């Protein structure tokens, strides 16, 4: 997609996940810093609300584990580290003036 145009854009979770997962996986983010800023600005203009679902206790972690595909179960022990990345991301978004809601796993 072209970030320069003025069209309304619907984002999937890629841009948020890429920011969190690149830090989690210790690799360069596929989205450049200026592109992240452009995406955040577009979200602010659209008054976007971000909802993160984070496992906060063992019961919620068990729910997540049961939902994982077999090929993803290898990452289960890293969920708490991933949760921390999403919490940091939520703080960044809030600092930029965006609304963030953190919900428990159901």
Protein backbone atom coordinates (compact mmCIF):
# COMPACT_ATOMS: atom_id res chain seq x y z
CA UNK A 1 0.00 0.00 0.00
CA UNK A 2 1.03 3.59 -0.50
CA UNK A 3 1.42 5.45 2.78
CA UNK A 4 1.67 8.77 0.99
CA UNK A 5 -1.91 8.87 -0.28
CA UNK A 6 -4.81 10.35 1.65
CA UNK A 7 -7.15 7.40 1.27
CA UNK A 8 -8.61 5.76 4.31
CA UNK A 9 -6.55 2.69 5.05
CA UNK A 10 -7.58 -0.35 7.00
CA UNK A 11 -4.61 -1.89 8.78
CA UNK A 12 -4.43 -5.48 9.77
CA UNK A 13 -2.36 -6.31 12.80
CA UNK A 14 0.81 -6.65 10.73
CA UNK A 15 2.18 -3.24 11.53
CA UNK A 16 1.72 -3.70 15.28
CA UNK A 17 2.92 -7.28 15.28
CA UNK A 18 5.95 -6.42 13.18
CA UNK A 19 7.01 -3.76 15.67
CA UNK A 20 6.65 -6.14 18.62
CA UNK A 21 7.96 -9.32 16.98
CA UNK A 22 11.03 -7.70 15.45
CA UNK A 23 12.15 -6.66 18.94
CA UNK A 24 11.18 -10.05 20.34
CA UNK A 25 13.14 -11.88 17.60
CA UNK A 26 16.07 -9.42 17.78
CA UNK A 27 15.92 -8.51 14.11
CA UNK A 28 15.43 -5.35 12.12
CA UNK A 29 11.83 -4.24 11.77
CA UNK A 30 10.47 -4.58 8.22
CA UNK A 31 8.67 -1.26 8.71
CA UNK A 32 10.96 1.77 8.81
CA UNK A 33 10.68 4.29 11.65
CA UNK A 34 9.26 7.01 9.39
CA UNK A 35 6.63 4.54 8.12
CA UNK A 36 5.64 3.68 11.70
CA UNK A 37 5.24 7.40 12.41
CA UNK A 38 3.09 7.80 9.28
CA UNK A 39 0.93 4.84 10.30
CA UNK A 40 0.52 6.23 13.82
CA UNK A 41 -0.42 9.66 12.41
CA UNK A 42 -3.05 8.08 10.13
CA UNK A 43 -4.43 6.13 13.07
CA UNK A 44 -4.64 9.31 15.16
CA UNK A 45 -6.52 11.10 12.38
CA UNK A 46 -8.97 8.19 12.17
CA UNK A 47 -9.29 8.13 15.98
CA UNK A 48 -8.29 4.47 15.98
CA UNK A 49 -8.58 2.45 19.15
CA UNK A 50 -6.11 -0.37 19.70
CA UNK A 51 -7.11 -3.46 21.64
CA UNK A 52 -4.42 -5.81 22.90
CA UNK A 53 -5.36 -9.15 24.40
CA UNK A 54 -2.72 -10.27 26.89
CA UNK A 55 -2.53 -13.41 29.04
CA UNK A 56 -2.08 -12.21 32.61
CA UNK A 57 -2.19 -15.42 34.66
CA UNK A 58 -1.67 -19.17 34.40
CA UNK A 59 -5.31 -19.87 33.56
CA UNK A 60 -5.15 -17.43 30.64
CA UNK A 61 -1.79 -18.86 29.55
CA UNK A 62 -3.35 -22.32 29.49
CA UNK A 63 -6.16 -21.03 27.25
CA UNK A 64 -3.59 -19.60 24.85
CA UNK A 65 -1.55 -22.82 24.87
CA UNK A 66 -4.62 -24.88 24.01
CA UNK A 67 -5.38 -22.61 21.05
CA UNK A 68 -1.90 -22.80 19.53
CA UNK A 69 -1.29 -24.80 16.40
CA UNK A 70 1.26 -27.58 16.84
CA UNK A 71 3.90 -25.68 14.86
CA UNK A 72 3.50 -22.65 17.16
CA UNK A 73 3.71 -24.50 20.49
CA UNK A 74 7.50 -24.06 20.45
CA UNK A 75 6.93 -20.37 21.22
CA UNK A 76 4.69 -20.93 24.23
CA UNK A 77 7.44 -20.43 26.80
CA UNK A 78 8.07 -16.98 25.29
CA UNK A 79 4.53 -15.65 25.68
CA UNK A 80 5.35 -13.63 28.78
CA UNK A 81 8.25 -11.95 26.95
CA UNK A 82 5.92 -11.23 24.03
CA UNK A 83 3.32 -9.79 26.41
CA UNK A 84 5.98 -7.37 27.67
CA UNK A 85 6.66 -6.23 24.10
CA UNK A 86 2.97 -5.54 23.55
CA UNK A 87 2.76 -3.63 26.85
CA UNK A 88 5.71 -1.47 25.72
CA UNK A 89 4.02 -0.94 22.36
CA UNK A 90 0.78 0.07 24.07
CA UNK A 91 2.67 2.68 26.13
CA UNK A 92 4.29 4.03 22.95
CA UNK A 93 0.89 4.35 21.28
CA UNK A 94 -0.59 6.05 24.36
CA UNK A 95 2.35 8.48 24.45
CA UNK A 96 1.52 9.33 20.82
CA UNK A 97 -2.05 10.19 21.88
CA UNK A 98 -3.79 6.99 20.79
CA UNK A 99 -6.31 5.06 22.82
CA UNK A 100 -5.22 1.58 23.89
CA UNK A 101 -7.34 -1.00 25.67
CA UNK A 102 -5.71 -4.05 27.21
CA UNK A 103 -8.05 -7.00 27.67
CA UNK A 104 -7.60 -10.37 29.31
CA UNK A 105 -7.60 -13.58 27.31
CA UNK A 106 -11.08 -15.12 27.40
